[in-house]
C-alpha atoms as a PDB file:
ATOM      1  CA  MET A   1      15.276   2.810  21.363  1.00  0.00           C
ATOM      2  CA  GLY A   2      15.368   5.871  19.108  1.00  0.00           C
ATOM      3  CA  LEU A   3      11.959   6.702  17.614  1.00  0.00           C
ATOM      4  CA  VAL A   4      12.431   9.040  14.635  1.00  0.00           C
ATOM      5  CA  PHE A   5       9.480  10.915  13.103  1.00  0.00           C
ATOM      6  CA  GLY A   6       8.508  14.070  11.216  1.00  0.00           C
ATOM      7  CA  GLY A   7      10.898  14.653   8.351  1.00  0.00           C
ATOM      8  CA  ARG A   8      11.148  16.753   5.228  1.00  0.00           C
ATOM      9  CA  SER A   9       8.552  15.008   3.071  1.00  0.00           C
ATOM     10  CA  GLY A  10       4.948  15.920   2.348  1.00  0.00           C
ATOM     11  CA  GLU A  11       3.947  13.080   4.676  1.00  0.00           C
ATOM     12  CA  HIS A  12       5.306  14.870   7.747  1.00  0.00           C
ATOM     13  CA  ASP A  13       1.942  14.944   9.540  1.00  0.00           C
ATOM     14  CA  VAL A  14       1.204  11.288   8.781  1.00  0.00           C
ATOM     15  CA  SER A  15       4.618  10.388  10.210  1.00  0.00           C
ATOM     16  CA  ILE A  16       3.778  12.117  13.495  1.00  0.00           C
ATOM     17  CA  ARG A  17       0.511  10.209  13.734  1.00  0.00           C
ATOM     18  CA  SER A  18       2.259   6.917  13.019  1.00  0.00           C
ATOM     19  CA  ALA A  19       4.925   7.650  15.637  1.00  0.00           C
ATOM     20  CA  ARG A  20       2.226   8.445  18.189  1.00  0.00           C
ATOM     21  CA  THR A  21       0.718   4.987  17.689  1.00  0.00           C
ATOM     22  CA  ILE A  22       4.104   3.267  17.985  1.00  0.00           C
ATOM     23  CA  ALA A  23       5.074   5.275  21.076  1.00  0.00           C
ATOM     24  CA  ALA A  24       1.823   4.175  22.715  1.00  0.00           C
ATOM     25  CA  ALA A  25       2.566   0.531  21.848  1.00  0.00           C
ATOM     26  CA  LEU A  26       6.044   0.847  23.358  1.00  0.00           C
ATOM     27  CA  SER A  27       4.559   2.033  26.645  1.00  0.00           C
ATOM     28  CA  ARG A  28       2.101  -0.847  27.038  1.00  0.00           C
ATOM     29  CA  GLY A  29       2.382  -4.383  28.384  1.00  0.00           C
ATOM     30  CA  ASP A  30       5.767  -6.094  28.349  1.00  0.00           C
ATOM     31  CA  ASN A  31       7.176  -3.371  26.086  1.00  0.00           C
ATOM     32  CA  ARG A  32       7.119  -0.955  29.021  1.00  0.00           C
ATOM     33  CA  GLN A  33       9.893  -2.983  30.649  1.00  0.00           C
ATOM     34  CA  ARG A  34      11.660  -3.830  27.400  1.00  0.00           C
ATOM     35  CA  TYR A  35      12.132  -0.379  25.907  1.00  0.00           C
ATOM     36  CA  GLN A  36      12.745   3.239  26.751  1.00  0.00           C
ATOM     37  CA  ALA A  37      11.887   5.430  23.793  1.00  0.00           C
ATOM     38  CA  VAL A  38      14.168   8.370  23.013  1.00  0.00           C
ATOM     39  CA  LEU A  39      12.066  10.636  20.780  1.00  0.00           C
ATOM     40  CA  HIS A  40      13.729  12.272  17.771  1.00  0.00           C
ATOM     41  CA  TYR A  41      11.665  14.791  15.827  1.00  0.00           C
ATOM     42  CA  ILE A  42      12.986  15.909  12.422  1.00  0.00           C
ATOM     43  CA  THR A  43      11.620  19.315  11.452  1.00  0.00           C
ATOM     44  CA  ARG A  44      10.349  20.128   7.977  1.00  0.00           C
ATOM     45  CA  GLY A  45      13.697  21.822   7.457  1.00  0.00           C
ATOM     46  CA  GLY A  46      15.597  18.645   8.253  1.00  0.00           C
ATOM     47  CA  ARG A  47      16.840  19.562  11.745  1.00  0.00           C
ATOM     48  CA  TRP A  48      16.815  17.084  14.629  1.00  0.00           C
ATOM     49  CA  ILE A  49      15.091  17.846  17.948  1.00  0.00           C
ATOM     50  CA  VAL A  50      15.372  15.617  21.027  1.00  0.00           C
ATOM     51  CA  GLY A  51      13.862  16.030  24.484  1.00  0.00           C
ATOM     52  CA  ASP A  52      10.977  18.347  25.335  1.00  0.00           C
ATOM     53  CA  GLY A  53      10.688  19.663  21.770  1.00  0.00           C
ATOM     54  CA  ALA A  54      10.332  16.145  20.373  1.00  0.00           C
ATOM     55  CA  THR A  55       7.778  15.259  23.051  1.00  0.00           C
ATOM     56  CA  ALA A  56       5.770  18.353  22.175  1.00  0.00           C
ATOM     57  CA  ALA A  57       5.951  17.563  18.450  1.00  0.00           C
ATOM     58  CA  LEU A  58       4.655  14.044  19.082  1.00  0.00           C
ATOM     59  CA  SER A  59       1.580  15.502  20.762  1.00  0.00           C
ATOM     60  CA  GLY A  60       1.024  17.859  17.821  1.00  0.00           C
ATOM     61  CA  THR A  61       2.652  21.021  19.149  1.00  0.00           C
ATOM     62  CA  ILE A  62       5.173  21.775  16.431  1.00  0.00           C
ATOM     63  CA  PRO A  63       8.008  24.066  17.625  1.00  0.00           C
ATOM     64  CA  ALA A  64       7.754  27.522  16.053  1.00  0.00           C
ATOM     65  CA  GLY A  65      10.516  29.765  14.774  1.00  0.00           C
ATOM     66  CA  SER A  66      13.786  29.177  12.942  1.00  0.00           C
ATOM     67  CA  ASP A  67      15.511  25.855  13.457  1.00  0.00           C
ATOM     68  CA  ASN A  68      18.796  26.815  11.763  1.00  0.00           C
ATOM     69  CA  HIS A  69      20.674  26.482  15.053  1.00  0.00           C
ATOM     70  CA  LEU A  70      19.654  22.833  15.429  1.00  0.00           C
ATOM     71  CA  PRO A  71      21.799  19.887  14.304  1.00  0.00           C
ATOM     72  CA  ARG A  72      21.300  18.131  10.959  1.00  0.00           C
ATOM     73  CA  LEU A  73      22.433  14.796  12.375  1.00  0.00           C
ATOM     74  CA  PRO A  74      21.456  12.877  15.530  1.00  0.00           C
ATOM     75  CA  THR A  75      23.706  13.749  18.448  1.00  0.00           C
ATOM     76  CA  THR A  76      22.286  10.961  20.597  1.00  0.00           C
ATOM     77  CA  ALA A  77      23.665   7.838  18.886  1.00  0.00           C
ATOM     78  CA  HIS A  78      25.417   6.804  22.106  1.00  0.00           C
ATOM     79  CA  GLN A  79      22.017   6.664  23.860  1.00  0.00           C
ATOM     80  CA  VAL A  80      20.355   4.458  21.249  1.00  0.00           C
ATOM     81  CA  ASP A  81      20.582   0.663  20.920  1.00  0.00           C
ATOM     82  CA  VAL A  82      18.182   0.390  17.976  1.00  0.00           C
ATOM     83  CA  TRP A  83      16.482   2.962  15.753  1.00  0.00           C
ATOM     84  CA  PHE A  84      12.841   2.951  14.693  1.00  0.00           C
ATOM     85  CA  PRO A  85      12.492   5.426  11.790  1.00  0.00           C
ATOM     86  CA  VAL A  86       8.790   6.179  11.248  1.00  0.00           C
ATOM     87  CA  LEU A  87       9.433   8.426   8.272  1.00  0.00           C
ATOM     88  CA  HIS A  88       7.227   8.170   5.188  1.00  0.00           C
ATOM     89  CA  GLY A  89       8.155   9.414   1.739  1.00  0.00           C
ATOM     90  CA  PRO A  90      11.360  11.135   0.553  1.00  0.00           C
ATOM     91  CA  ASN A  91      14.239  11.444   3.026  1.00  0.00           C
ATOM     92  CA  GLY A  92      12.803   8.657   5.137  1.00  0.00           C
ATOM     93  CA  GLU A  93      11.469   5.800   3.059  1.00  0.00           C
ATOM     94  CA  ASP A  94      13.925   6.113   0.172  1.00  0.00           C
ATOM     95  CA  GLY A  95      17.200   4.813   1.592  1.00  0.00           C
ATOM     96  CA  THR A  96      18.568   8.099   2.933  1.00  0.00           C
ATOM     97  CA  VAL A  97      18.004   7.619   6.661  1.00  0.00           C
ATOM     98  CA  GLN A  98      18.690   3.894   6.220  1.00  0.00           C
ATOM     99  CA  GLY A  99      22.105   4.849   4.854  1.00  0.00           C
ATOM    100  CA  LEU A 100      22.708   7.103   7.856  1.00  0.00           C
ATOM    101  CA  PHE A 101      22.017   4.321  10.357  1.00  0.00           C
ATOM    102  CA  THR A 102      24.092   1.893   8.278  1.00  0.00           C
ATOM    103  CA  LEU A 103      27.020   4.326   8.493  1.00  0.00           C
ATOM    104  CA  LEU A 104      26.481   4.581  12.243  1.00  0.00           C
ATOM    105  CA  ASP A 105      26.617   0.751  12.323  1.00  0.00           C
ATOM    106  CA  GLN A 106      23.487   0.652  14.451  1.00  0.00           C
ATOM    107  CA  PRO A 107      20.438  -1.601  14.015  1.00  0.00           C
ATOM    108  CA  PHE A 108      17.267  -0.043  12.666  1.00  0.00           C
ATOM    109  CA  VAL A 109      13.734  -1.208  11.957  1.00  0.00           C
ATOM    110  CA  GLY A 110      12.806  -1.811   8.354  1.00  0.00           C
ATOM    111  CA  THR A 111      14.605  -2.550   5.136  1.00  0.00           C
ATOM    112  CA  GLY A 112      18.090  -1.468   4.112  1.00  0.00           C
ATOM    113  CA  VAL A 113      19.177   1.096   1.546  1.00  0.00           C
ATOM    114  CA  LEU A 114      18.482  -0.982  -1.579  1.00  0.00           C
ATOM    115  CA  GLY A 115      14.957  -2.115  -0.682  1.00  0.00           C
ATOM    116  CA  ALA A 116      13.979   1.371   0.477  1.00  0.00           C
ATOM    117  CA  ALA A 117      15.358   3.128  -2.610  1.00  0.00           C
ATOM    118  CA  VAL A 118      13.924   0.681  -5.150  1.00  0.00           C
ATOM    119  CA  GLY A 119      10.607   0.449  -3.309  1.00  0.00           C
ATOM    120  CA  MET A 120      10.279   4.229  -3.148  1.00  0.00           C
ATOM    121  CA  ASP A 121      10.912   5.053  -6.800  1.00  0.00           C
ATOM    122  CA  LYS A 122       7.962   3.761  -8.823  1.00  0.00           C
ATOM    123  CA  GLN A 123      10.016   3.513 -12.025  1.00  0.00           C
ATOM    124  CA  ALA A 124      12.695   1.370 -10.348  1.00  0.00           C
ATOM    125  CA  MET A 125      10.043  -0.599  -8.456  1.00  0.00           C
ATOM    126  CA  LYS A 126       8.118  -1.451 -11.623  1.00  0.00           C
ATOM    127  CA  ALA A 127      11.325  -2.476 -13.378  1.00  0.00           C
ATOM    128  CA  ALA A 128      12.153  -4.822 -10.482  1.00  0.00           C
ATOM    129  CA  PHE A 129       8.632  -6.260 -10.514  1.00  0.00           C
ATOM    130  CA  ALA A 130       8.848  -6.802 -14.278  1.00  0.00           C
ATOM    131  CA  THR A 131      12.194  -8.589 -13.931  1.00  0.00           C
ATOM    132  CA  ALA A 132      10.643 -10.866 -11.300  1.00  0.00           C
ATOM    133  CA  GLY A 133       7.754 -11.638 -13.656  1.00  0.00           C
ATOM    134  CA  LEU A 134       5.085 -10.087 -11.420  1.00  0.00           C
ATOM    135  CA  PRO A 135       1.796  -9.028 -13.069  1.00  0.00           C
ATOM    136  CA  GLN A 136       1.321  -5.250 -13.432  1.00  0.00           C
ATOM    137  CA  VAL A 137      -0.997  -2.881 -15.272  1.00  0.00           C
ATOM    138  CA  SER A 138       0.432  -1.257 -18.394  1.00  0.00           C
ATOM    139  CA  TYR A 139       2.523   1.854 -17.722  1.00  0.00           C
ATOM    140  CA  VAL A 140       4.726   4.473 -19.345  1.00  0.00           C
ATOM    141  CA  CYS A 141       7.770   6.048 -17.674  1.00  0.00           C
ATOM    142  CA  ALA A 142       8.529   9.725 -18.207  1.00  0.00           C
ATOM    143  CA  THR A 143      10.814  12.475 -16.931  1.00  0.00           C
ATOM    144  CA  ALA A 144       9.988  16.095 -16.222  1.00  0.00           C
ATOM    145  CA  ASN A 145      12.286  17.352 -18.971  1.00  0.00           C
ATOM    146  CA  ARG A 146      10.305  15.308 -21.542  1.00  0.00           C
ATOM    147  CA  LEU A 147       7.506  17.832 -21.023  1.00  0.00           C
ATOM    148  CA  ALA A 148       9.506  20.102 -23.293  1.00  0.00           C
ATOM    149  CA  TYR A 149       8.253  17.707 -25.987  1.00  0.00           C
ATOM    150  CA  SER A 150       4.802  17.352 -24.500  1.00  0.00           C
ATOM    151  CA  ASP A 151       3.022  16.363 -27.737  1.00  0.00           C
ATOM    152  CA  GLU A 152       5.411  13.453 -28.251  1.00  0.00           C
ATOM    153  CA  LEU A 153       5.012  12.336 -24.634  1.00  0.00           C
ATOM    154  CA  VAL A 154       1.209  12.583 -24.648  1.00  0.00           C
ATOM    155  CA  ASN A 155       1.040  10.781 -28.000  1.00  0.00           C
ATOM    156  CA  ASN A 156       3.134   7.961 -26.525  1.00  0.00           C
ATOM    157  CA  VAL A 157       0.800   7.629 -23.535  1.00  0.00           C
ATOM    158  CA  GLU A 158      -2.278   7.665 -25.782  1.00  0.00           C
ATOM    159  CA  LYS A 159      -0.727   4.996 -28.019  1.00  0.00           C
ATOM    160  CA  HIS A 160       0.243   2.612 -25.212  1.00  0.00           C
ATOM    161  CA  LEU A 161      -2.362   3.280 -22.517  1.00  0.00           C
ATOM    162  CA  GLY A 162      -5.322   5.355 -23.669  1.00  0.00           C
ATOM    163  CA  TYR A 163      -7.824   6.872 -21.247  1.00  0.00           C
ATOM    164  CA  PRO A 164      -8.509   6.962 -18.418  1.00  0.00           C
ATOM    165  CA  CYS A 165      -5.030   6.822 -16.917  1.00  0.00           C
ATOM    166  CA  PHE A 166      -3.290   7.841 -13.701  1.00  0.00           C
ATOM    167  CA  VAL A 167      -0.364  10.266 -13.549  1.00  0.00           C
ATOM    168  CA  LYS A 168       1.979   9.834 -10.588  1.00  0.00           C
ATOM    169  CA  PRO A 169       5.212  11.353  -9.321  1.00  0.00           C
ATOM    170  CA  ALA A 170       7.624   8.433  -8.991  1.00  0.00           C
ATOM    171  CA  ASN A 171       8.814   9.269  -5.481  1.00  0.00           C
ATOM    172  CA  LEU A 172       5.897  10.462  -3.364  1.00  0.00           C
ATOM    173  CA  GLY A 173       3.567   8.380  -1.215  1.00  0.00           C
ATOM    174  CA  SER A 174       0.114   8.815   0.337  1.00  0.00           C
ATOM    175  CA  SER A 175      -1.349   9.549  -3.135  1.00  0.00           C
ATOM    176  CA  LEU A 176       0.318  12.986  -3.182  1.00  0.00           C
ATOM    177  CA  GLY A 177       0.499  14.557  -6.633  1.00  0.00           C
ATOM    178  CA  ILE A 178      -1.570  11.825  -8.313  1.00  0.00           C
ATOM    179  CA  SER A 179      -4.287  12.702 -10.803  1.00  0.00           C
ATOM    180  CA  LYS A 180      -6.661  10.794 -13.066  1.00  0.00           C
ATOM    181  CA  ALA A 181      -6.828  11.874 -16.694  1.00  0.00           C
ATOM    182  CA  TRP A 182      -9.803  11.263 -18.974  1.00  0.00           C
ATOM    183  CA  ASP A 183      -8.530  13.237 -21.949  1.00  0.00           C
ATOM    184  CA  ARG A 184      -5.460  14.847 -23.488  1.00  0.00           C
ATOM    185  CA  GLY A 185      -5.830  18.161 -21.643  1.00  0.00           C
ATOM    186  CA  ALA A 186      -6.164  16.519 -18.247  1.00  0.00           C
ATOM    187  CA  LEU A 187      -3.191  14.258 -18.997  1.00  0.00           C
ATOM    188  CA  LEU A 188      -0.964  17.207 -19.858  1.00  0.00           C
ATOM    189  CA  ALA A 189      -2.126  19.136 -16.782  1.00  0.00           C
ATOM    190  CA  GLY A 190      -1.507  16.090 -14.590  1.00  0.00           C
ATOM    191  CA  LEU A 191       1.997  15.618 -16.006  1.00  0.00           C
ATOM    192  CA  GLN A 192       2.832  19.278 -15.413  1.00  0.00           C
ATOM    193  CA  ALA A 193       1.526  19.130 -11.831  1.00  0.00           C
ATOM    194  CA  ALA A 194       3.436  15.920 -11.072  1.00  0.00           C
ATOM    195  CA  ALA A 195       6.601  17.383 -12.603  1.00  0.00           C
ATOM    196  CA  GLN A 196       6.480  20.159  -9.985  1.00  0.00           C
ATOM    197  CA  LEU A 197       6.942  17.470  -7.346  1.00  0.00           C
ATOM    198  CA  ASP A 198       9.344  15.013  -8.963  1.00  0.00           C
ATOM    199  CA  ASP A 199      11.675  14.712 -11.955  1.00  0.00           C
ATOM    200  CA  ARG A 200      10.577  11.128 -12.541  1.00  0.00           C
ATOM    201  CA  LEU A 201       6.982  10.345 -13.514  1.00  0.00           C
ATOM    202  CA  ILE A 202       4.791   7.313 -14.135  1.00  0.00           C
ATOM    203  CA  VAL A 203       1.586   7.070 -16.164  1.00  0.00           C
ATOM    204  CA  GLU A 204      -0.508   3.961 -15.571  1.00  0.00           C
ATOM    205  CA  ALA A 205      -3.534   2.503 -17.299  1.00  0.00           C
ATOM    206  CA  ALA A 206      -6.607   2.827 -15.072  1.00  0.00           C
ATOM    207  CA  VAL A 207      -8.309  -0.533 -14.599  1.00  0.00           C
ATOM    208  CA  PRO A 208     -11.676  -1.087 -12.927  1.00  0.00           C
ATOM    209  CA  ALA A 209     -10.665  -3.163  -9.944  1.00  0.00           C
ATOM    210  CA  ARG A 210     -10.948  -3.714  -6.222  1.00  0.00           C
ATOM    211  CA  GLU A 211      -7.957  -2.646  -4.094  1.00  0.00           C
ATOM    212  CA  LEU A 212      -6.419  -5.333  -1.900  1.00  0.00           C
ATOM    213  CA  GLU A 213      -3.482  -5.044   0.482  1.00  0.00           C
ATOM    214  CA  CYS A 214      -1.235  -7.507   2.296  1.00  0.00           C
ATOM    215  CA  ALA A 215       1.364  -6.946   5.019  1.00  0.00           C
ATOM    216  CA  VAL A 216       4.761  -8.682   5.075  1.00  0.00           C
ATOM    217  CA  LEU A 217       6.934  -9.191   8.162  1.00  0.00           C
ATOM    218  CA  GLY A 218      10.408 -10.662   8.557  1.00  0.00           C
ATOM    219  CA  TYR A 219      13.369 -11.477   6.339  1.00  0.00           C
ATOM    220  CA  GLY A 220      14.848 -14.619   4.884  1.00  0.00           C
ATOM    221  CA  HIS A 221      11.492 -16.388   5.081  1.00  0.00           C
ATOM    222  CA  PRO A 222       9.064 -13.492   5.616  1.00  0.00           C
ATOM    223  CA  ASP A 223       5.446 -14.099   6.494  1.00  0.00           C
ATOM    224  CA  ALA A 224       2.382 -12.516   4.918  1.00  0.00           C
ATOM    225  CA  SER A 225      -0.728 -11.396   6.787  1.00  0.00           C
ATOM    226  CA  VAL A 226      -4.338 -11.975   5.928  1.00  0.00           C
ATOM    227  CA  VAL A 227      -5.543  -9.911   2.963  1.00  0.00           C
ATOM    228  CA  GLY A 228      -7.520  -6.710   3.418  1.00  0.00           C
ATOM    229  CA  GLU A 229      -9.581  -4.557   1.092  1.00  0.00           C
ATOM    230  CA  ILE A 230      -9.958  -0.778   0.939  1.00  0.00           C
ATOM    231  CA  LEU A 231     -13.445   0.596   0.288  1.00  0.00           C
ATOM    232  CA  TYR A 232     -13.755   4.317  -0.442  1.00  0.00           C
ATOM    233  CA  ASP A 233     -16.376   6.810  -1.507  1.00  0.00           C
ATOM    234  CA  ALA A 234     -14.213   8.765  -3.958  1.00  0.00           C
ATOM    235  CA  GLU A 235     -13.502   7.915  -7.574  1.00  0.00           C
ATOM    236  CA  TRP A 236     -10.097   6.642  -6.481  1.00  0.00           C
ATOM    237  CA  TYR A 237      -8.130   6.255  -3.255  1.00  0.00           C
ATOM    238  CA  ASP A 238      -6.713   9.783  -2.913  1.00  0.00           C
ATOM    239  CA  TYR A 239      -5.084  11.551   0.052  1.00  0.00           C
ATOM    240  CA  THR A 240      -8.424  12.743   1.440  1.00  0.00           C
ATOM    241  CA  SER A 241      -9.864   9.243   1.297  1.00  0.00           C
ATOM    242  CA  LYS A 242      -6.807   7.843   3.067  1.00  0.00           C
ATOM    243  CA  TYR A 243      -6.516  10.249   5.959  1.00  0.00           C
ATOM    244  CA  SER A 244      -9.926  11.843   6.508  1.00  0.00           C
ATOM    245  CA  PRO A 245     -12.341   9.982   8.791  1.00  0.00           C
ATOM    246  CA  GLY A 246     -15.462   8.659   7.103  1.00  0.00           C
ATOM    247  CA  HIS A 247     -14.108   8.661   3.548  1.00  0.00           C
ATOM    248  CA  SER A 248     -12.866   5.093   3.458  1.00  0.00           C
ATOM    249  CA  SER A 249     -13.262   1.807   5.289  1.00  0.00           C
ATOM    250  CA  LEU A 250     -11.292  -1.399   5.532  1.00  0.00           C
ATOM    251  CA  ALA A 251     -12.592  -4.938   5.143  1.00  0.00           C
ATOM    252  CA  ILE A 252     -10.314  -7.386   6.954  1.00  0.00           C
ATOM    253  CA  PRO A 253     -10.187 -10.098   5.816  1.00  0.00           C
ATOM    254  CA  ALA A 254     -11.182  -9.225   2.256  1.00  0.00           C
ATOM    255  CA  SER A 255     -14.163 -11.058   0.814  1.00  0.00           C
ATOM    256  CA  VAL A 256     -12.335 -12.855  -2.009  1.00  0.00           C
ATOM    257  CA  PRO A 257     -12.011 -16.508  -2.998  1.00  0.00           C
ATOM    258  CA  GLN A 258      -9.465 -18.486  -0.972  1.00  0.00           C
ATOM    259  CA  ALA A 259      -7.337 -19.033  -4.071  1.00  0.00           C
ATOM    260  CA  ILE A 260      -7.070 -15.241  -4.577  1.00  0.00           C
ATOM    261  CA  HIS A 261      -6.287 -14.714  -0.888  1.00  0.00           C
ATOM    262  CA  ASP A 262      -3.477 -17.275  -1.082  1.00  0.00           C
ATOM    263  CA  ARG A 263      -2.105 -15.842  -4.318  1.00  0.00           C
ATOM    264  CA  VAL A 264      -2.050 -12.300  -2.914  1.00  0.00           C
ATOM    265  CA  ARG A 265      -0.021 -13.545   0.066  1.00  0.00           C
ATOM    266  CA  ARG A 266       2.477 -15.314  -2.205  1.00  0.00           C
ATOM    267  CA  LEU A 267       2.798 -12.321  -4.537  1.00  0.00           C
ATOM    268  CA  ALA A 268       3.267  -9.955  -1.570  1.00  0.00           C
ATOM    269  CA  VAL A 269       6.318 -11.899  -0.416  1.00  0.00           C
ATOM    270  CA  GLN A 270       7.640 -12.124  -3.993  1.00  0.00           C
ATOM    271  CA  ALA A 271       7.190  -8.375  -4.498  1.00  0.00           C
ATOM    272  CA  THR A 272       9.062  -7.639  -1.271  1.00  0.00           C
ATOM    273  CA  GLN A 273      11.928  -9.870  -2.330  1.00  0.00           C
ATOM    274  CA  ALA A 274      11.917  -8.459  -5.889  1.00  0.00           C
ATOM    275  CA  VAL A 275      12.914  -4.993  -4.661  1.00  0.00           C
ATOM    276  CA  GLY A 276      15.388  -6.376  -2.121  1.00  0.00           C
ATOM    277  CA  ALA A 277      13.313  -5.294   0.892  1.00  0.00           C
ATOM    278  CA  TYR A 278      12.909  -6.959   4.268  1.00  0.00           C
ATOM    279  CA  GLY A 279      11.659  -6.176   7.763  1.00  0.00           C
ATOM    280  CA  LEU A 280       8.234  -4.774   7.008  1.00  0.00           C
ATOM    281  CA  SER A 281       6.299  -3.848   3.917  1.00  0.00           C
ATOM    282  CA  ARG A 282       2.759  -3.471   2.665  1.00  0.00           C
ATOM    283  CA  VAL A 283       2.047  -4.589  -0.864  1.00  0.00           C
ATOM    284  CA  ASP A 284      -0.989  -3.203  -2.714  1.00  0.00           C
ATOM    285  CA  PHE A 285      -2.899  -5.003  -5.453  1.00  0.00           C
ATOM    286  CA  PHE A 286      -5.620  -4.467  -8.044  1.00  0.00           C
ATOM    287  CA  TYR A 287      -8.109  -7.327  -8.294  1.00  0.00           C
ATOM    288  CA  GLN A 288     -10.462  -7.694 -11.249  1.00  0.00           C
ATOM    289  CA  GLU A 289     -13.237 -10.102 -10.357  1.00  0.00           C
ATOM    290  CA  ASP A 290     -14.035 -10.699 -14.013  1.00  0.00           C
ATOM    291  CA  GLY A 291     -11.454 -13.353 -14.832  1.00  0.00           C
ATOM    292  CA  GLN A 292      -9.984 -13.206 -11.297  1.00  0.00           C
ATOM    293  CA  VAL A 293      -7.003 -11.152 -12.468  1.00  0.00           C
ATOM    294  CA  LEU A 294      -4.481  -9.793  -9.961  1.00  0.00           C
ATOM    295  CA  TYR A 295      -1.993  -6.967 -10.553  1.00  0.00           C
ATOM    296  CA  VAL A 296       0.730  -5.853  -8.157  1.00  0.00           C
ATOM    297  CA  ASN A 297       0.294  -2.093  -7.764  1.00  0.00           C
ATOM    298  CA  GLU A 298       3.079  -0.984  -5.431  1.00  0.00           C
ATOM    299  CA  ILE A 299       5.059  -1.669  -2.284  1.00  0.00           C
ATOM    300  CA  ASN A 300       5.490   0.543   0.775  1.00  0.00           C
ATOM    301  CA  THR A 301       8.565  -0.317   2.839  1.00  0.00           C
ATOM    302  CA  MET A 302       7.575   1.981   5.726  1.00  0.00           C
ATOM    303  CA  PRO A 303       3.773   1.811   5.676  1.00  0.00           C
ATOM    304  CA  GLY A 304       1.589   3.983   7.861  1.00  0.00           C
ATOM    305  CA  PHE A 305       1.086   3.055  11.502  1.00  0.00           C
ATOM    306  CA  THR A 306      -1.793   5.385  12.293  1.00  0.00           C
ATOM    307  CA  SER A 307      -4.891   4.109  14.095  1.00  0.00           C
ATOM    308  CA  GLN A 308      -6.593   3.510  10.730  1.00  0.00           C
ATOM    309  CA  SER A 309      -3.554   2.191   8.844  1.00  0.00           C
ATOM    310  CA  MET A 310      -3.802  -1.140   7.100  1.00  0.00           C
ATOM    311  CA  TYR A 311      -0.412  -2.591   8.104  1.00  0.00           C
ATOM    312  CA  PRO A 312      -0.975  -2.942  11.871  1.00  0.00           C
ATOM    313  CA  LEU A 313      -4.653  -3.794  11.370  1.00  0.00           C
ATOM    314  CA  LEU A 314      -3.770  -6.645   8.997  1.00  0.00           C
ATOM    315  CA  TRP A 315      -1.391  -8.120  11.566  1.00  0.00           C
ATOM    316  CA  GLN A 316      -3.933  -7.649  14.324  1.00  0.00           C
ATOM    317  CA  ALA A 317      -6.372  -9.709  12.249  1.00  0.00           C
ATOM    318  CA  SER A 318      -3.601 -12.282  11.806  1.00  0.00           C
ATOM    319  CA  GLY A 319      -3.204 -12.679  15.571  1.00  0.00           C
ATOM    320  CA  VAL A 320      -0.357 -10.227  16.180  1.00  0.00           C
ATOM    321  CA  SER A 321      -1.189  -7.284  18.460  1.00  0.00           C
ATOM    322  CA  MET A 322       0.275  -3.816  17.956  1.00  0.00           C
ATOM    323  CA  GLU A 323       2.512  -4.272  21.028  1.00  0.00           C
ATOM    324  CA  GLU A 324       3.773  -7.618  19.770  1.00  0.00           C
ATOM    325  CA  LEU A 325       4.239  -6.281  16.229  1.00  0.00           C
ATOM    326  CA  VAL A 326       6.396  -3.375  17.381  1.00  0.00           C
ATOM    327  CA  HIS A 327       8.442  -5.701  19.593  1.00  0.00           C
ATOM    328  CA  ARG A 328       8.906  -8.172  16.746  1.00  0.00           C
ATOM    329  CA  LEU A 329      10.099  -5.429  14.369  1.00  0.00           C
ATOM    330  CA  ILE A 330      12.667  -4.182  16.877  1.00  0.00           C
ATOM    331  CA  ASP A 331      13.746  -7.765  17.582  1.00  0.00           C
ATOM    332  CA  LEU A 332      14.202  -8.405  13.850  1.00  0.00           C
ATOM    333  CA  ALA A 333      16.324  -5.274  13.499  1.00  0.00           C
ATOM    334  CA  GLN A 334      18.640  -6.337  16.303  1.00  0.00           C
ATOM    335  CA  GLU A 335      18.878  -9.931  15.091  1.00  0.00           C
ATOM    336  CA  ARG A 336      19.683  -8.882  11.534  1.00  0.00           C
ATOM    337  CA  HIS A 337      22.323  -6.415  12.690  1.00  0.00           C
ATOM    338  CA  GLY A 338      23.868  -9.124  14.840  1.00  0.00           C
ATOM    339  CA  GLY A 339      24.028 -11.465  11.865  1.00  0.00           C
ATOM    340  CA  SER A 340      21.938 -14.192  13.457  1.00  0.00           C
ATOM    341  CA  HIS A 341      19.126 -16.072  11.780  1.00  0.00           C
ATOM    342  CA  PRO A 342      15.829 -15.255  13.482  1.00  0.00           C
ATOM    343  CA  THR A 343      12.817 -17.483  13.748  1.00  0.00           C
ATOM    344  CA  PRO A 344      10.487 -16.979  10.758  1.00  0.00           C
ATOM    345  CA  ALA A 345       7.860 -14.343  11.538  1.00  0.00           C
ATOM    346  CA  HIS A 346       4.951 -16.729  11.258  1.00  0.00           C
ATOM    347  CA  GLU A 347       6.452 -18.988  13.938  1.00  0.00           C
ATOM    348  CA  SER A 348       7.198 -16.116  16.287  1.00  0.00           C
ATOM    349  CA  ALA A 349       3.718 -14.692  15.738  1.00  0.00           C
ATOM    350  CA  HIS A 350       2.130 -17.877  17.056  1.00  0.00           C
ATOM    351  CA  SER A 351       4.651 -18.527  19.823  1.00  0.00           C
ATOM    352  CA  ALA A 352       4.896 -15.075  21.362  1.00  0.00           C
ATOM    353  CA  HIS A 353       1.496 -14.893  23.027  1.00  0.00           C
END
């Protein structure tokens, strides 16, 4: 089993932490006999390291010095039966590494090229959600070159959204590059900052709402987990709140009416199918208690697996341990590659104890 982590995105460090959690799950219980992990660390420069260097990187000791002599492709495909890419953000969650493993004709955990690419790009994702009739907050799409006509762009945002609003790069995760704008100056500054990170931008209306999340597992007839809620001490759920201890907490299950819980689970599966994803995903929602309004915010097709990440914790609360979850994901990858029709995730979750 080839565990791939690191990568060229801004979420490099988060990827290492996620891989550490998965590696630990692979070494426990029945998984110890089932799998032998072959660690593959991708440097920030995009080079692949296997062996002692990858082991060191997993423990947090990043190899120093130039990596130009290292390969840009895995040289260990003959040693790997199934790949587990734990890569967040660009060059990992956007269809690129999925395309590589598809070309190698080897099974891999997670969605294929289409689901990853559409799920990663917020403009494409929102278009897919809209086509599927899913509820979303109001938004405006923009491109970096439109900033040459900044007055026209800002006027368009003010006309359709007003303030406050969120400015986001279309292709970064973990809240990187996101800002909240309360006025014209902050909006322009946010657009310029986001344009340094991505050519494609999204501006969304800011709505006062609780943030709910739901995990999806499987394909064909995927199952949805219980619903969780994120509580945070910042004005919004930024990178610091996500990855710094003490800045946020999770309520699992979320304290919402049963009808909302059930609707979130249904919408999570619909959102996953809308972008063509399968395997695993985490779908995030805004919930306005006044009127009990739900909006689909976004999907993550390779969600975090750190010790405080919502995806594994949601499944744990649904009766699926980390060890079982990792095994099920690998099993799904192999079954899909083999063309068979696996047992729906919810059945396997209850039968595999």
